[in-house]
Amino acid sequence: MDPSIIGTVAMLGFGAVILVGVIVRWIRAPRGVRSRLRHALGPIAGAGESYQELHTGQRGLQASIIEAVQEQEQGGGAERDADAPR
């Protein structure tokens, strides 16, 4: 057998397995179009973000959001207390 045919069959098989996984997650997801789509494609998005982090050396979106929220909670509390009526 030609090696290119073996590679093509392997890629198609891998793609089929991923597609079946997405369909199963879609069916088992909670009701609601947005949450179903997010639930079904979440692992693929997570894998893409991990690839980006490893490839570029930068933090991903989730890590950036968590850090921003933590900074806001730490820094924002003092500002609110200073402006609060006594």
C-alpha atoms as a PDB file:
ATOM      1  CA  MET A   1       0.000   0.000   0.000  1.00  0.00           C
ATOM      2  CA  ASP A   2       1.121   3.513  -0.767  1.00  0.00           C
ATOM      3  CA  PRO A   3       2.260   5.484   2.355  1.00  0.00           C
ATOM      4  CA  SER A   4       0.238   8.537   1.297  1.00  0.00           C
ATOM      5  CA  ILE A   5      -2.953   6.474   1.277  1.00  0.00           C
ATOM      6  CA  ILE A   6      -2.174   5.159   4.773  1.00  0.00           C
ATOM      7  CA  GLY A   7      -1.627   8.720   6.016  1.00  0.00           C
ATOM      8  CA  THR A   8      -4.846   9.924   4.408  1.00  0.00           C
ATOM      9  CA  VAL A   9      -6.866   7.073   5.911  1.00  0.00           C
ATOM     10  CA  ALA A  10      -5.303   7.725   9.328  1.00  0.00           C
ATOM     11  CA  MET A  11      -6.180  11.452   9.154  1.00  0.00           C
ATOM     12  CA  LEU A  12      -9.735  10.725   8.043  1.00  0.00           C
ATOM     13  CA  GLY A  13     -10.125   8.186  10.848  1.00  0.00           C
ATOM     14  CA  PHE A  14      -8.808  10.659  13.419  1.00  0.00           C
ATOM     15  CA  GLY A  15     -11.185  13.329  12.098  1.00  0.00           C
ATOM     16  CA  ALA A  16     -14.096  10.891  12.275  1.00  0.00           C
ATOM     17  CA  VAL A  17     -13.282  10.044  15.906  1.00  0.00           C
ATOM     18  CA  ILE A  18     -13.194  13.751  16.807  1.00  0.00           C
ATOM     19  CA  LEU A  19     -16.488  14.355  14.985  1.00  0.00           C
ATOM     20  CA  VAL A  20     -18.162  11.470  16.846  1.00  0.00           C
ATOM     21  CA  GLY A  21     -16.885  12.901  20.139  1.00  0.00           C
ATOM     22  CA  VAL A  22     -18.309  16.341  19.346  1.00  0.00           C
ATOM     23  CA  ILE A  23     -21.667  14.822  18.397  1.00  0.00           C
ATOM     24  CA  VAL A  24     -21.811  12.773  21.610  1.00  0.00           C
ATOM     25  CA  ARG A  25     -20.961  15.871  23.712  1.00  0.00           C
ATOM     26  CA  TRP A  26     -23.629  17.852  21.794  1.00  0.00           C
ATOM     27  CA  ILE A  27     -26.288  15.231  22.562  1.00  0.00           C
ATOM     28  CA  ARG A  28     -25.343  15.001  26.259  1.00  0.00           C
ATOM     29  CA  ALA A  29     -25.068  18.780  26.710  1.00  0.00           C
ATOM     30  CA  PRO A  30     -27.633  20.702  28.743  1.00  0.00           C
ATOM     31  CA  ARG A  31     -30.485  22.412  26.897  1.00  0.00           C
ATOM     32  CA  GLY A  32     -29.880  25.753  25.215  1.00  0.00           C
ATOM     33  CA  VAL A  33     -28.168  26.395  21.895  1.00  0.00           C
ATOM     34  CA  ARG A  34     -25.235  28.427  23.225  1.00  0.00           C
ATOM     35  CA  SER A  35     -24.428  26.138  26.104  1.00  0.00           C
ATOM     36  CA  ARG A  36     -24.693  23.074  23.870  1.00  0.00           C
ATOM     37  CA  LEU A  37     -22.295  24.486  21.320  1.00  0.00           C
ATOM     38  CA  ARG A  38     -19.870  25.619  24.010  1.00  0.00           C
ATOM     39  CA  HIS A  39     -20.091  22.232  25.724  1.00  0.00           C
ATOM     40  CA  ALA A  40     -19.579  20.300  22.486  1.00  0.00           C
ATOM     41  CA  LEU A  41     -16.644  22.328  21.164  1.00  0.00           C
ATOM     42  CA  GLY A  42     -14.994  23.149  24.514  1.00  0.00           C
ATOM     43  CA  PRO A  43     -12.291  20.461  24.339  1.00  0.00           C
ATOM     44  CA  ILE A  44     -11.303  21.547  20.822  1.00  0.00           C
ATOM     45  CA  ALA A  45     -11.069  25.185  21.914  1.00  0.00           C
ATOM     46  CA  GLY A  46      -9.025  24.167  24.958  1.00  0.00           C
ATOM     47  CA  ALA A  47      -6.638  22.185  22.776  1.00  0.00           C
ATOM     48  CA  GLY A  48      -6.267  25.158  20.438  1.00  0.00           C
ATOM     49  CA  GLU A  49      -5.522  27.479  23.336  1.00  0.00           C
ATOM     50  CA  SER A  50      -2.927  25.062  24.744  1.00  0.00           C
ATOM     51  CA  TYR A  51      -1.293  24.834  21.321  1.00  0.00           C
ATOM     52  CA  GLN A  52      -1.192  28.617  21.095  1.00  0.00           C
ATOM     53  CA  GLU A  53       0.366  28.901  24.561  1.00  0.00           C
ATOM     54  CA  LEU A  54       3.058  26.363  23.684  1.00  0.00           C
ATOM     55  CA  HIS A  55       3.689  27.769  20.212  1.00  0.00           C
ATOM     56  CA  THR A  56       3.866  31.481  21.086  1.00  0.00           C
ATOM     57  CA  GLY A  57       5.015  31.271  24.701  1.00  0.00           C
ATOM     58  CA  GLN A  58       2.231  33.632  25.773  1.00  0.00           C
ATOM     59  CA  ARG A  59      -0.568  33.019  28.231  1.00  0.00           C
ATOM     60  CA  GLY A  60      -3.910  31.956  26.913  1.00  0.00           C
ATOM     61  CA  LEU A  61      -7.184  33.854  27.156  1.00  0.00           C
ATOM     62  CA  GLN A  62      -8.438  31.981  30.216  1.00  0.00           C
ATOM     63  CA  ALA A  63      -5.249  32.629  32.201  1.00  0.00           C
ATOM     64  CA  SER A  64      -5.325  36.305  31.198  1.00  0.00           C
ATOM     65  CA  ILE A  65      -8.944  36.701  32.299  1.00  0.00           C
ATOM     66  CA  ILE A  66      -8.303  34.994  35.647  1.00  0.00           C
ATOM     67  CA  GLU A  67      -5.314  37.263  36.309  1.00  0.00           C
ATOM     68  CA  ALA A  68      -7.275  40.392  35.347  1.00  0.00           C
ATOM     69  CA  VAL A  69     -10.141  39.468  37.684  1.00  0.00           C
ATOM     70  CA  GLN A  70      -7.729  38.797  40.543  1.00  0.00           C
ATOM     71  CA  GLU A  71      -5.995  42.147  40.000  1.00  0.00           C
ATOM     72  CA  GLN A  72      -9.354  43.918  39.870  1.00  0.00           C
ATOM     73  CA  GLU A  73     -10.493  42.268  43.096  1.00  0.00           C
ATOM     74  CA  GLN A  74      -7.281  43.193  44.899  1.00  0.00           C
ATOM     75  CA  GLY A  75      -6.916  46.727  43.575  1.00  0.00           C
ATOM     76  CA  GLY A  76     -10.581  47.627  43.231  1.00  0.00           C
ATOM     77  CA  GLY A  77     -11.482  46.951  46.853  1.00  0.00           C
ATOM     78  CA  ALA A  78      -9.353  49.794  48.227  1.00  0.00           C
ATOM     79  CA  GLU A  79     -10.772  52.309  45.760  1.00  0.00           C
ATOM     80  CA  ARG A  80     -14.347  51.460  46.655  1.00  0.00           C
ATOM     81  CA  ASP A  81     -13.641  51.758  50.373  1.00  0.00           C
ATOM     82  CA  ALA A  82     -12.033  55.200  49.903  1.00  0.00           C
ATOM     83  CA  ASP A  83     -15.075  56.503  48.030  1.00  0.00           C
ATOM     84  CA  ALA A  84     -17.644  54.974  50.369  1.00  0.00           C
ATOM     85  CA  PRO A  85     -19.675  57.402  52.498  1.00  0.00           C
ATOM     86  CA  ARG A  86     -18.917  57.389  56.214  1.00  0.00           C
END
